[in-house]
Protein backbone atom coordinates (compact mmCIF):
# COMPACT_ATOMS: atom_id res chain seq x y z
CA MET A 1 -3.02 -5.78 7.31
CA ALA A 2 -3.23 -2.27 8.75
CA SER A 3 -0.28 -0.12 7.64
CA GLU A 4 1.09 3.36 8.23
CA GLY A 5 -0.67 6.05 6.23
CA GLU A 6 -3.90 4.04 5.93
CA LYS A 7 -7.22 4.69 7.63
CA ALA A 8 -7.33 2.61 10.83
CA PRO A 9 -9.94 -0.16 10.74
CA GLY A 10 -12.94 0.89 12.81
CA PHE A 11 -14.02 -1.15 15.82
CA SER A 12 -16.35 -1.22 18.77
CA LEU A 13 -15.36 -3.49 21.67
CA PRO A 14 -16.44 -4.04 25.28
CA ALA A 15 -14.05 -2.56 27.87
CA ASP A 16 -13.18 -3.76 31.36
CA ASP A 17 -15.19 -0.89 32.93
CA GLY A 18 -18.44 -2.06 31.33
CA SER A 19 -18.40 0.54 28.56
CA GLU A 20 -18.25 -0.01 24.81
CA VAL A 21 -15.25 1.66 23.16
CA SER A 22 -15.51 2.69 19.54
CA LEU A 23 -12.69 4.14 17.46
CA ALA A 24 -15.19 6.58 15.91
CA ASP A 25 -15.89 8.04 19.38
CA LEU A 26 -12.18 8.85 19.80
CA LYS A 27 -11.84 10.94 16.64
CA GLY A 28 -9.84 14.08 17.39
CA ARG A 29 -7.56 12.29 19.87
CA LYS A 30 -4.41 10.26 19.39
CA VAL A 31 -5.07 6.59 20.09
CA VAL A 32 -2.43 4.07 21.10
CA LEU A 33 -3.96 0.68 20.29
CA TYR A 34 -1.77 -2.10 21.56
CA PHE A 35 -2.50 -5.77 20.97
CA TYR A 36 -1.11 -8.32 23.41
CA PRO A 37 -1.50 -12.11 23.58
CA LYS A 38 -2.80 -12.85 27.09
CA ASP A 39 -3.59 -11.34 30.48
CA ASN A 40 -1.25 -12.23 33.36
CA THR A 41 1.56 -13.70 31.28
CA SER A 42 5.10 -12.45 31.83
CA GLY A 43 5.65 -10.36 28.69
CA CYS A 44 2.13 -8.96 28.69
CA THR A 45 2.43 -7.95 32.34
CA VAL A 46 5.75 -6.17 31.70
CA GLU A 47 4.23 -4.31 28.75
CA ALA A 48 1.03 -3.35 30.60
CA CYS A 49 2.96 -2.11 33.66
CA GLU A 50 5.23 0.02 31.46
CA PHE A 51 2.19 1.58 29.77
CA ARG A 52 0.74 2.16 33.27
CA ASP A 53 3.91 3.92 34.39
CA THR A 54 4.08 6.17 31.31
CA MET A 55 0.36 7.12 31.36
CA PRO A 56 0.93 10.67 32.70
CA ARG A 57 3.08 11.40 29.64
CA PHE A 58 0.40 10.03 27.28
CA GLU A 59 -2.26 12.11 29.04
CA GLY A 60 0.00 15.15 28.70
CA VAL A 61 -0.30 14.89 24.89
CA ASP A 62 -4.03 13.99 24.97
CA ALA A 63 -3.47 10.39 23.87
CA VAL A 64 -5.66 7.50 24.92
CA VAL A 65 -4.07 4.07 25.47
CA LEU A 66 -6.13 0.93 24.83
CA GLY A 67 -4.92 -2.62 25.43
CA VAL A 68 -6.58 -5.33 23.33
CA SER A 69 -6.46 -9.10 23.74
CA PRO A 70 -8.82 -12.03 23.13
CA ASP A 71 -9.32 -12.44 26.91
CA SER A 72 -12.74 -11.98 28.51
CA ILE A 73 -13.89 -8.88 30.40
CA ALA A 74 -13.63 -10.85 33.69
CA SER A 75 -10.02 -11.77 32.89
CA HIS A 76 -9.24 -8.13 32.02
CA GLN A 77 -10.79 -6.92 35.29
CA LYS A 78 -8.59 -9.28 37.35
CA PHE A 79 -5.45 -8.35 35.36
CA LYS A 80 -6.21 -4.63 35.73
CA ALA A 81 -6.86 -4.87 39.49
CA LYS A 82 -3.79 -7.03 40.15
CA HIS A 83 -1.44 -4.56 38.44
CA ASP A 84 -3.34 -1.30 39.12
CA LEU A 85 -3.61 -0.54 35.40
CA ASN A 86 -4.81 2.99 34.59
CA PHE A 87 -6.11 2.52 31.03
CA LEU A 88 -8.87 0.48 29.41
CA LEU A 89 -8.49 -3.12 28.33
CA LEU A 90 -10.74 -4.22 25.47
CA ALA A 91 -12.05 -7.75 24.94
CA ASP A 92 -11.65 -8.94 21.34
CA GLU A 93 -12.89 -12.45 22.14
CA ASP A 94 -13.66 -13.37 18.52
CA HIS A 95 -10.34 -11.72 17.46
CA SER A 96 -12.14 -9.84 14.66
CA VAL A 97 -10.36 -6.57 15.46
CA ALA A 98 -6.98 -8.34 15.67
CA GLU A 99 -7.74 -9.84 12.25
CA ALA A 100 -8.69 -6.43 10.81
CA TYR A 101 -5.31 -5.06 11.97
CA GLY A 102 -3.43 -8.12 10.66
CA VAL A 103 -2.12 -9.20 14.06
CA TRP A 104 -4.03 -12.51 14.38
CA VAL A 105 -1.33 -14.78 13.00
CA GLU A 106 -0.07 -18.34 13.00
CA LYS A 107 2.42 -18.83 15.80
CA SER A 108 4.56 -21.76 16.80
CA MET A 109 5.62 -22.98 20.23
CA TYR A 110 7.49 -26.22 20.87
CA GLY A 111 6.70 -27.30 17.30
CA ARG A 112 2.96 -26.80 17.78
CA LYS A 113 1.27 -24.31 15.45
CA TYR A 114 -1.66 -22.23 16.64
CA MET A 115 -3.34 -18.89 15.96
CA GLY A 116 -2.69 -15.99 18.30
CA ILE A 117 -1.88 -12.32 18.70
CA GLU A 118 1.35 -10.93 17.31
CA ARG A 119 2.32 -8.32 19.91
CA SER A 120 1.80 -5.08 17.97
CA THR A 121 0.99 -1.42 18.56
CA PHE A 122 -0.67 1.16 16.33
CA LEU A 123 -0.55 4.91 16.83
CA ILE A 124 -3.72 6.31 15.30
CA GLY A 125 -3.78 10.06 14.63
CA GLU A 126 -6.59 12.51 15.39
CA ASP A 127 -7.77 12.04 11.79
CA GLY A 128 -8.13 8.25 12.17
CA GLU A 129 -5.04 7.42 10.10
CA ILE A 130 -2.34 5.05 11.28
CA GLN A 131 0.73 7.19 11.95
CA ARG A 132 3.00 4.43 13.26
CA ALA A 133 2.82 0.65 13.39
CA TRP A 134 5.10 -1.46 15.55
CA ARG A 135 5.01 -5.18 14.71
CA LYS A 136 6.53 -8.12 16.61
CA VAL A 137 7.10 -5.88 19.60
CA LYS A 138 9.48 -6.76 22.43
CA ALA A 139 7.51 -5.98 25.60
CA ARG A 140 10.30 -4.43 27.70
CA GLY A 141 10.95 -0.79 26.80
CA HIS A 142 8.14 -0.61 24.23
CA ALA A 143 5.90 1.90 26.07
CA GLU A 144 8.82 4.34 26.14
CA GLN A 145 9.26 4.06 22.34
CA VAL A 146 5.55 4.71 21.85
CA VAL A 147 5.31 7.70 24.19
CA GLU A 148 8.32 9.29 22.45
CA ALA A 149 6.61 8.82 19.06
CA VAL A 150 3.32 10.24 20.35
CA ALA A 151 4.99 13.24 21.98
CA GLY A 152 6.87 13.82 18.71
């Protein structure tokens, strides 16, 4: 499980714009890596739209925001277009990055147990260390908490 003060687990994932995003390529910038369960679901849409609306403040402190879920690139592209999202969505289809960060967990709904994403966000510093970790995030109001932490 990735924790504050530790080196962030490295990754390289396909993004909705056709590029490959690697944590190593972002060294020297603050990275907001937020994991969410599924494109076009209510909580995930609220969270994504709040990140969209706060993007100018993230850009003002040279921070890059990346959304990560197990959805496909095609799903991400539809989600992004529908809500006019202004940051990259990364496809972690085999959930290996979610596992590395400790956010691929057993969940329960209506008595049924299954594996899925625990809504979580990591603020990774310019040096590649995790500065803040938010676990079991409530979608509404979360982007504001993160931008305040990034802006310091």
